[in-house]
Each structure stands twice: as C-alpha cells, then as structure tokens.
Amino acid sequence: MATRVYVGNLSPTTTDDMLREAFSGYGNVVDAIVMRDRYTDRSRGFGFVTYSSHSEAEAAVSGMDGKELNGRRVSVKLFGIGDIDDE
C-alpha cells in the first residue's frame, strides 16, 4: 500500500520535480505534486509526496519535518490515516 505525506509551507517557487528530488532520499517516490490554484496556476503553499511503503513515508516525516526547502521550513506529516488504496 502506498502512503502519502503532506508537505506544508512550501515556497511559491517549489515545483513538482523539486519536491520529488528533495524527498527521494527517503525512499521510492511514487508521486510528488505541489497543489496549485486552478485559476492563477500559483502554488497554494502545500503539496503531497506518495511513497511505496509506510516506513519510507515515516522516514521522510522524521527527516524533513522542520527542515529548510527552497528558503522555507517545511511542515511534513503523514496524510490522513496514511494509507491510500491504489484501486
């Protein structure tokens, strides 16, 4: 089962690729997305990283929460209950 991590306080300049690169050291990143406003296409300041396992996601939370990414200290938490069905 895949596990999703919430990443908050992202810089407006952070892209999906930057997010993926920053979090790839903690495991197999299945998906990384910065949420954007549908009308302006500007970053909404948060995103999600999906890992292939729960242990990888926990490692990312431990390793990245409070760390600096593109000039901002990010908040990293397991999303919801953490497990997402890939149906």
PDB file of N, CA and C in Angstrom:
ATOM      1  N   MET A   1       0.822  -1.196   0.000  1.00  0.00           N
ATOM      2  CA  MET A   1       0.000   0.000   0.000  1.00  0.00           C
ATOM      3  C   MET A   1       0.862   1.255   0.000  1.00  0.00           C
ATOM      4  N   ALA A   2       0.480   2.208  -0.769  1.00  0.00           N
ATOM      5  CA  ALA A   2       1.191   3.477  -0.827  1.00  0.00           C
ATOM      6  C   ALA A   2       0.802   4.343   0.372  1.00  0.00           C
ATOM      7  N   THR A   3       1.709   5.213   0.783  1.00  0.00           N
ATOM      8  CA  THR A   3       1.459   6.125   1.892  1.00  0.00           C
ATOM      9  C   THR A   3       1.788   7.535   1.451  1.00  0.00           C
ATOM     10  N   ARG A   4       0.874   8.445   1.737  1.00  0.00           N
ATOM     11  CA  ARG A   4       1.013   9.831   1.317  1.00  0.00           C
ATOM     12  C   ARG A   4       1.457  10.707   2.486  1.00  0.00           C
ATOM     13  N   VAL A   5       2.329  11.663   2.164  1.00  0.00           N
ATOM     14  CA  VAL A   5       2.844  12.618   3.137  1.00  0.00           C
ATOM     15  C   VAL A   5       2.413  14.024   2.706  1.00  0.00           C
ATOM     16  N   TYR A   6       1.915  14.802   3.665  1.00  0.00           N
ATOM     17  CA  TYR A   6       1.559  16.204   3.435  1.00  0.00           C
ATOM     18  C   TYR A   6       2.804  17.048   3.679  1.00  0.00           C
ATOM     19  N   VAL A   7       3.056  18.022   2.793  1.00  0.00           N
ATOM     20  CA  VAL A   7       4.184  18.937   2.946  1.00  0.00           C
ATOM     21  C   VAL A   7       3.634  20.359   2.906  1.00  0.00           C
ATOM     22  N   GLY A   8       3.728  21.066   4.019  1.00  0.00           N
ATOM     23  CA  GLY A   8       3.196  22.420   4.104  1.00  0.00           C
ATOM     24  C   GLY A   8       4.282  23.470   4.177  1.00  0.00           C
ATOM     25  N   ASN A   9       3.891  24.718   3.962  1.00  0.00           N
ATOM     26  CA  ASN A   9       4.762  25.898   3.981  1.00  0.00           C
ATOM     27  C   ASN A   9       5.785  25.877   2.841  1.00  0.00           C
ATOM     28  N   LEU A  10       5.363  25.403   1.684  1.00  0.00           N
ATOM     29  CA  LEU A  10       6.253  25.386   0.520  1.00  0.00           C
ATOM     30  C   LEU A  10       6.436  26.784  -0.046  1.00  0.00           C
ATOM     31  N   SER A  11       7.609  27.039  -0.566  1.00  0.00           N
ATOM     32  CA  SER A  11       7.902  28.280  -1.269  1.00  0.00           C
ATOM     33  C   SER A  11       7.093  28.330  -2.565  1.00  0.00           C
ATOM     34  N   PRO A  12       6.685  29.517  -2.994  1.00  0.00           N
ATOM     35  CA  PRO A  12       5.956  29.631  -4.263  1.00  0.00           C
ATOM     36  C   PRO A  12       6.759  29.147  -5.474  1.00  0.00           C
ATOM     37  N   THR A  13       8.071  29.062  -5.323  1.00  0.00           N
ATOM     38  CA  THR A  13       8.919  28.641  -6.440  1.00  0.00           C
ATOM     39  C   THR A  13       9.130  27.129  -6.496  1.00  0.00           C
ATOM     40  N   THR A  14       8.668  26.394  -5.497  1.00  0.00           N
ATOM     41  CA  THR A  14       8.860  24.938  -5.466  1.00  0.00           C
ATOM     42  C   THR A  14       8.005  24.267  -6.533  1.00  0.00           C
ATOM     43  N   THR A  15       8.631  23.406  -7.330  1.00  0.00           N
ATOM     44  CA  THR A  15       7.934  22.679  -8.393  1.00  0.00           C
ATOM     45  C   THR A  15       7.752  21.215  -7.979  1.00  0.00           C
ATOM     46  N   ASP A  16       6.950  20.497  -8.745  1.00  0.00           N
ATOM     47  CA  ASP A  16       6.766  19.064  -8.504  1.00  0.00           C
ATOM     48  C   ASP A  16       8.110  18.335  -8.527  1.00  0.00           C
ATOM     49  N   ASP A  17       8.938  18.651  -9.501  1.00  0.00           N
ATOM     50  CA  ASP A  17      10.248  17.992  -9.630  1.00  0.00           C
ATOM     51  C   ASP A  17      11.154  18.300  -8.445  1.00  0.00           C
ATOM     52  N   MET A  18      11.139  19.540  -7.959  1.00  0.00           N
ATOM     53  CA  MET A  18      11.945  19.902  -6.785  1.00  0.00           C
ATOM     54  C   MET A  18      11.478  19.132  -5.554  1.00  0.00           C
ATOM     55  N   LEU A  19      10.164  19.006  -5.407  1.00  0.00           N
ATOM     56  CA  LEU A  19       9.591  18.274  -4.283  1.00  0.00           C
ATOM     57  C   LEU A  19      10.011  16.803  -4.351  1.00  0.00           C
ATOM     58  N   ARG A  20       9.903  16.212  -5.526  1.00  0.00           N
ATOM     59  CA  ARG A  20      10.302  14.812  -5.723  1.00  0.00           C
ATOM     60  C   ARG A  20      11.778  14.623  -5.380  1.00  0.00           C
ATOM     61  N   GLU A  21      12.613  15.512  -5.871  1.00  0.00           N
ATOM     62  CA  GLU A  21      14.054  15.403  -5.632  1.00  0.00           C
ATOM     63  C   GLU A  21      14.385  15.523  -4.145  1.00  0.00           C
ATOM     64  N   ALA A  22      13.755  16.477  -3.461  1.00  0.00           N
ATOM     65  CA  ALA A  22      14.031  16.702  -2.047  1.00  0.00           C
ATOM     66  C   ALA A  22      13.640  15.501  -1.182  1.00  0.00           C
ATOM     67  N   PHE A  23      12.600  14.771  -1.581  1.00  0.00           N
ATOM     68  CA  PHE A  23      12.087  13.672  -0.776  1.00  0.00           C
ATOM     69  C   PHE A  23      12.527  12.292  -1.250  1.00  0.00           C
ATOM     70  N   SER A  24      13.211  12.204  -2.369  1.00  0.00           N
ATOM     71  CA  SER A  24      13.585  10.904  -2.926  1.00  0.00           C
ATOM     72  C   SER A  24      14.650  10.183  -2.104  1.00  0.00           C
ATOM     73  N   GLY A  25      15.359  10.892  -1.268  1.00  0.00           N
ATOM     74  CA  GLY A  25      16.376  10.252  -0.432  1.00  0.00           C
ATOM     75  C   GLY A  25      15.812   9.372   0.667  1.00  0.00           C
ATOM     76  N   TYR A  26      14.502   9.419   0.867  1.00  0.00           N
ATOM     77  CA  TYR A  26      13.880   8.652   1.948  1.00  0.00           C
ATOM     78  C   TYR A  26      13.164   7.397   1.449  1.00  0.00           C
ATOM     79  N   GLY A  27      13.134   7.198   0.148  1.00  0.00           N
ATOM     80  CA  GLY A  27      12.506   6.000  -0.385  1.00  0.00           C
ATOM     81  C   GLY A  27      12.014   6.203  -1.804  1.00  0.00           C
ATOM     82  N   ASN A  28      11.241   5.236  -2.271  1.00  0.00           N
ATOM     83  CA  ASN A  28      10.707   5.258  -3.629  1.00  0.00           C
ATOM     84  C   ASN A  28       9.505   6.207  -3.714  1.00  0.00           C
ATOM     85  N   VAL A  29       9.706   7.368  -4.343  1.00  0.00           N
ATOM     86  CA  VAL A  29       8.631   8.344  -4.507  1.00  0.00           C
ATOM     87  C   VAL A  29       7.780   7.934  -5.702  1.00  0.00           C
ATOM     88  N   VAL A  30       6.528   7.601  -5.430  1.00  0.00           N
ATOM     89  CA  VAL A  30       5.594   7.200  -6.471  1.00  0.00           C
ATOM     90  C   VAL A  30       5.035   8.431  -7.179  1.00  0.00           C
ATOM     91  N   ASP A  31       4.792   9.497  -6.404  1.00  0.00           N
ATOM     92  CA  ASP A  31       4.217  10.723  -6.948  1.00  0.00           C
ATOM     93  C   ASP A  31       4.587  11.898  -6.049  1.00  0.00           C
ATOM     94  N   ALA A  32       4.775  13.057  -6.642  1.00  0.00           N
ATOM     95  CA  ALA A  32       5.021  14.291  -5.887  1.00  0.00           C
ATOM     96  C   ALA A  32       4.301  15.414  -6.617  1.00  0.00           C
ATOM     97  N   ILE A  33       3.482  16.156  -5.874  1.00  0.00           N
ATOM     98  CA  ILE A  33       2.697  17.214  -6.506  1.00  0.00           C
ATOM     99  C   ILE A  33       2.575  18.421  -5.588  1.00  0.00           C
ATOM    100  N   VAL A  34       2.810  19.597  -6.170  1.00  0.00           N
ATOM    101  CA  VAL A  34       2.563  20.870  -5.489  1.00  0.00           C
ATOM    102  C   VAL A  34       1.172  21.313  -5.913  1.00  0.00           C
ATOM    103  N   MET A  35       0.310  21.579  -4.950  1.00  0.00           N
ATOM    104  CA  MET A  35      -1.055  21.987  -5.258  1.00  0.00           C
ATOM    105  C   MET A  35      -1.049  23.434  -5.769  1.00  0.00           C
ATOM    106  N   ARG A  36      -1.816  23.662  -6.841  1.00  0.00           N
ATOM    107  CA  ARG A  36      -1.842  24.977  -7.489  1.00  0.00           C
ATOM    108  C   ARG A  36      -3.268  25.489  -7.597  1.00  0.00           C
ATOM    109  N   ASP A  37      -3.398  26.804  -7.596  1.00  0.00           N
ATOM    110  CA  ASP A  37      -4.692  27.437  -7.788  1.00  0.00           C
ATOM    111  C   ASP A  37      -5.146  27.187  -9.216  1.00  0.00           C
ATOM    112  N   ARG A  38      -6.374  26.773  -9.385  1.00  0.00           N
ATOM    113  CA  ARG A  38      -6.842  26.410 -10.728  1.00  0.00           C
ATOM    114  C   ARG A  38      -6.967  27.597 -11.670  1.00  0.00           C
ATOM    115  N   TYR A  39      -7.128  28.801 -11.129  1.00  0.00           N
ATOM    116  CA  TYR A  39      -7.305  29.982 -11.981  1.00  0.00           C
ATOM    117  C   TYR A  39      -5.995  30.707 -12.277  1.00  0.00           C
ATOM    118  N   THR A  40      -5.109  30.784 -11.280  1.00  0.00           N
ATOM    119  CA  THR A  40      -3.865  31.536 -11.470  1.00  0.00           C
ATOM    120  C   THR A  40      -2.648  30.646 -11.703  1.00  0.00           C
ATOM    121  N   ASP A  41      -2.773  29.347 -11.424  1.00  0.00           N
ATOM    122  CA  ASP A  41      -1.687  28.378 -11.524  1.00  0.00           C
ATOM    123  C   ASP A  41      -0.556  28.659 -10.537  1.00  0.00           C
ATOM    124  N   ARG A  42      -0.818  29.485  -9.528  1.00  0.00           N
ATOM    125  CA  ARG A  42       0.182  29.770  -8.491  1.00  0.00           C
ATOM    126  C   ARG A  42       0.115  28.697  -7.413  1.00  0.00           C
ATOM    127  N   SER A  43       1.264  28.442  -6.809  1.00  0.00           N
ATOM    128  CA  SER A  43       1.333  27.457  -5.736  1.00  0.00           C
ATOM    129  C   SER A  43       0.427  27.859  -4.586  1.00  0.00           C
ATOM    130  N   ARG A  44      -0.223  26.882  -3.980  1.00  0.00           N
ATOM    131  CA  ARG A  44      -1.065  27.130  -2.812  1.00  0.00           C
ATOM    132  C   ARG A  44      -0.269  26.942  -1.525  1.00  0.00           C
ATOM    133  N   GLY A  45       1.025  26.626  -1.646  1.00  0.00           N
ATOM    134  CA  GLY A  45       1.906  26.548  -0.486  1.00  0.00           C
ATOM    135  C   GLY A  45       1.964  25.184   0.184  1.00  0.00           C
ATOM    136  N   PHE A  46       1.366  24.179  -0.441  1.00  0.00           N
ATOM    137  CA  PHE A  46       1.457  22.832   0.114  1.00  0.00           C
ATOM    138  C   PHE A  46       1.429  21.811  -1.016  1.00  0.00           C
ATOM    139  N   GLY A  47       1.807  20.591  -0.658  1.00  0.00           N
ATOM    140  CA  GLY A  47       1.811  19.531  -1.647  1.00  0.00           C
ATOM    141  C   GLY A  47       1.791  18.172  -0.980  1.00  0.00           C
ATOM    142  N   PHE A  48       1.912  17.130  -1.794  1.00  0.00           N
ATOM    143  CA  PHE A  48       1.875  15.757  -1.307  1.00  0.00           C
ATOM    144  C   PHE A  48       2.953  14.941  -1.987  1.00  0.00           C
ATOM    145  N   VAL A  49       3.548  14.041  -1.215  1.00  0.00           N
ATOM    146  CA  VAL A  49       4.523  13.089  -1.741  1.00  0.00           C
ATOM    147  C   VAL A  49       4.001  11.700  -1.387  1.00  0.00           C
ATOM    148  N   THR A  50       3.941  10.815  -2.359  1.00  0.00           N
ATOM    149  CA  THR A  50       3.462   9.463  -2.134  1.00  0.00           C
ATOM    150  C   THR A  50       4.631   8.492  -2.221  1.00  0.00           C
ATOM    151  N   TYR A  51       4.762   7.668  -1.188  1.00  0.00           N
ATOM    152  CA  TYR A  51       5.807   6.647  -1.124  1.00  0.00           C
ATOM    153  C   TYR A  51       5.199   5.266  -1.323  1.00  0.00           C
ATOM    154  N   SER A  52       6.022   4.333  -1.743  1.00  0.00           N
ATOM    155  CA  SER A  52       5.532   2.977  -1.976  1.00  0.00           C
ATOM    156  C   SER A  52       5.326   2.198  -0.681  1.00  0.00           C
ATOM    157  N   SER A  53       5.892   2.677   0.440  1.00  0.00           N
ATOM    158  CA  SER A  53       5.683   1.979   1.713  1.00  0.00           C
ATOM    159  C   SER A  53       5.514   2.971   2.867  1.00  0.00           C
ATOM    160  N   HIS A  54       4.876   2.484   3.908  1.00  0.00           N
ATOM    161  CA  HIS A  54       4.633   3.305   5.098  1.00  0.00           C
ATOM    162  C   HIS A  54       5.947   3.671   5.794  1.00  0.00           C
ATOM    163  N   SER A  55       6.882   2.741   5.838  1.00  0.00           N
ATOM    164  CA  SER A  55       8.158   3.002   6.518  1.00  0.00           C
ATOM    165  C   SER A  55       8.953   4.110   5.810  1.00  0.00           C
ATOM    166  N   GLU A  56       8.870   4.162   4.493  1.00  0.00           N
ATOM    167  CA  GLU A  56       9.552   5.237   3.745  1.00  0.00           C
ATOM    168  C   GLU A  56       8.924   6.586   4.080  1.00  0.00           C
ATOM    169  N   ALA A  57       7.607   6.619   4.153  1.00  0.00           N
ATOM    170  CA  ALA A  57       6.908   7.860   4.486  1.00  0.00           C
ATOM    171  C   ALA A  57       7.266   8.323   5.894  1.00  0.00           C
ATOM    172  N   GLU A  58       7.330   7.399   6.837  1.00  0.00           N
ATOM    173  CA  GLU A  58       7.715   7.756   8.201  1.00  0.00           C
ATOM    174  C   GLU A  58       9.138   8.301   8.246  1.00  0.00           C
ATOM    175  N   ALA A  59      10.033   7.727   7.455  1.00  0.00           N
ATOM    176  CA  ALA A  59      11.412   8.218   7.384  1.00  0.00           C
ATOM    177  C   ALA A  59      11.448   9.645   6.844  1.00  0.00           C
ATOM    178  N   ALA A  60      10.608   9.933   5.855  1.00  0.00           N
ATOM    179  CA  ALA A  60      10.546  11.281   5.282  1.00  0.00           C
ATOM    180  C   ALA A  60      10.027  12.283   6.298  1.00  0.00           C
ATOM    181  N   VAL A  61       9.024  11.897   7.073  1.00  0.00           N
ATOM    182  CA  VAL A  61       8.491  12.786   8.110  1.00  0.00           C
ATOM    183  C   VAL A  61       9.589  13.086   9.128  1.00  0.00           C
ATOM    184  N   SER A  62      10.273  12.048   9.590  1.00  0.00           N
ATOM    185  CA  SER A  62      11.345  12.222  10.576  1.00  0.00           C
ATOM    186  C   SER A  62      12.499  13.063  10.024  1.00  0.00           C
ATOM    187  N   GLY A  63      12.817  12.845   8.767  1.00  0.00           N
ATOM    188  CA  GLY A  63      13.971  13.512   8.172  1.00  0.00           C
ATOM    189  C   GLY A  63      13.718  14.924   7.659  1.00  0.00           C
ATOM    190  N   MET A  64      12.487  15.212   7.261  1.00  0.00           N
ATOM    191  CA  MET A  64      12.227  16.503   6.604  1.00  0.00           C
ATOM    192  C   MET A  64      11.396  17.508   7.421  1.00  0.00           C
ATOM    193  N   ASP A  65      10.644  17.056   8.407  1.00  0.00           N
ATOM    194  CA  ASP A  65       9.810  17.985   9.167  1.00  0.00           C
ATOM    195  C   ASP A  65      10.680  19.040   9.848  1.00  0.00           C
ATOM    196  N   GLY A  66      10.384  20.305   9.563  1.00  0.00           N
ATOM    197  CA  GLY A  66      11.144  21.413  10.140  1.00  0.00           C
ATOM    198  C   GLY A  66      12.407  21.781   9.385  1.00  0.00           C
ATOM    199  N   LYS A  67      12.723  21.034   8.346  1.00  0.00           N
ATOM    200  CA  LYS A  67      13.921  21.327   7.541  1.00  0.00           C
ATOM    201  C   LYS A  67      13.610  22.403   6.503  1.00  0.00           C
ATOM    202  N   GLU A  68      14.671  23.014   6.002  1.00  0.00           N
ATOM    203  CA  GLU A  68      14.509  24.069   5.005  1.00  0.00           C
ATOM    204  C   GLU A  68      14.483  23.488   3.599  1.00  0.00           C
ATOM    205  N   LEU A  69      13.521  23.970   2.819  1.00  0.00           N
ATOM    206  CA  LEU A  69      13.397  23.592   1.405  1.00  0.00           C
ATOM    207  C   LEU A  69      13.086  24.858   0.631  1.00  0.00           C
ATOM    208  N   ASN A  70      13.987  25.250  -0.251  1.00  0.00           N
ATOM    209  CA  ASN A  70      13.827  26.473  -1.053  1.00  0.00           C
ATOM    210  C   ASN A  70      13.554  27.702  -0.185  1.00  0.00           C
ATOM    211  N   GLY A  71      14.297  27.809   0.915  1.00  0.00           N
ATOM    212  CA  GLY A  71      14.219  29.004   1.752  1.00  0.00           C
ATOM    213  C   GLY A  71      13.107  29.017   2.789  1.00  0.00           C
ATOM    214  N   ARG A  72      12.371  27.925   2.926  1.00  0.00           N
ATOM    215  CA  ARG A  72      11.288  27.855   3.919  1.00  0.00           C
ATOM    216  C   ARG A  72      11.401  26.579   4.736  1.00  0.00           C
ATOM    217  N   ARG A  73      11.050  26.680   6.019  1.00  0.00           N
ATOM    218  CA  ARG A  73      10.982  25.490   6.872  1.00  0.00           C
ATOM    219  C   ARG A  73       9.654  24.798   6.606  1.00  0.00           C
ATOM    220  N   VAL A  74       9.721  23.575   6.147  1.00  0.00           N
ATOM    221  CA  VAL A  74       8.504  22.861   5.766  1.00  0.00           C
ATOM    222  C   VAL A  74       7.955  22.041   6.936  1.00  0.00           C
ATOM    223  N   SER A  75       6.650  21.870   6.903  1.00  0.00           N
ATOM    224  CA  SER A  75       5.939  21.024   7.853  1.00  0.00           C
ATOM    225  C   SER A  75       5.575  19.737   7.119  1.00  0.00           C
ATOM    226  N   VAL A  76       6.009  18.599   7.654  1.00  0.00           N
ATOM    227  CA  VAL A  76       5.794  17.318   6.978  1.00  0.00           C
ATOM    228  C   VAL A  76       5.067  16.373   7.934  1.00  0.00           C
ATOM    229  N   LYS A  77       3.943  15.826   7.470  1.00  0.00           N
ATOM    230  CA  LYS A  77       3.130  14.928   8.290  1.00  0.00           C
ATOM    231  C   LYS A  77       2.557  13.815   7.427  1.00  0.00           C
ATOM    232  N   LEU A  78       2.292  12.675   8.062  1.00  0.00           N
ATOM    233  CA  LEU A  78       1.567  11.624   7.356  1.00  0.00           C
ATOM    234  C   LEU A  78       0.186  12.175   7.039  1.00  0.00           C
ATOM    235  N   PHE A  79      -0.328  11.888   5.857  1.00  0.00           N
ATOM    236  CA  PHE A  79      -1.607  12.438   5.421  1.00  0.00           C
ATOM    237  C   PHE A  79      -2.751  11.525   5.833  1.00  0.00           C
ATOM    238  N   GLY A  80      -3.742  12.095   6.488  1.00  0.00           N
ATOM    239  CA  GLY A  80      -4.926  11.331   6.892  1.00  0.00           C
ATOM    240  C   GLY A  80      -4.514  10.150   7.754  1.00  0.00           C
ATOM    241  N   ILE A  81      -5.031   8.992   7.424  1.00  0.00           N
ATOM    242  CA  ILE A  81      -4.622   7.799   8.141  1.00  0.00           C
ATOM    243  C   ILE A  81      -3.330   7.256   7.572  1.00  0.00           C
ATOM    244  N   GLY A  82      -2.869   7.853   6.491  1.00  0.00           N
ATOM    245  CA  GLY A  82      -1.579   7.498   5.912  1.00  0.00           C
ATOM    246  C   GLY A  82      -1.623   6.497   4.779  1.00  0.00           C
ATOM    247  N   ASP A  83      -2.584   5.604   4.755  1.00  0.00           N
ATOM    248  CA  ASP A  83      -2.631   4.594   3.716  1.00  0.00           C
ATOM    249  C   ASP A  83      -3.645   4.948   2.647  1.00  0.00           C
ATOM    250  N   ILE A  84      -3.250   4.752   1.409  1.00  0.00           N
ATOM    251  CA  ILE A  84      -4.098   5.061   0.264  1.00  0.00           C
ATOM    252  C   ILE A  84      -4.218   3.810  -0.582  1.00  0.00           C
ATOM    253  N   ASP A  85      -5.421   3.399  -0.873  1.00  0.00           N
ATOM    254  CA  ASP A  85      -5.620   2.259  -1.761  1.00  0.00           C
ATOM    255  C   ASP A  85      -5.353   2.676  -3.194  1.00  0.00           C
ATOM    256  N   ASP A  86      -4.660   1.842  -3.918  1.00  0.00           N
ATOM    257  CA  ASP A  86      -4.326   2.136  -5.318  1.00  0.00           C
ATOM    258  C   ASP A  86      -5.322   1.499  -6.275  1.00  0.00           C
ATOM    259  N   GLU A  87      -6.588   1.541  -5.945  1.00  0.00           N
ATOM    260  CA  GLU A  87      -7.598   0.917  -6.799  1.00  0.00           C
ATOM    261  C   GLU A  87      -7.920   1.774  -7.981  1.00  0.00           C
TER     262      GLU A  87
END
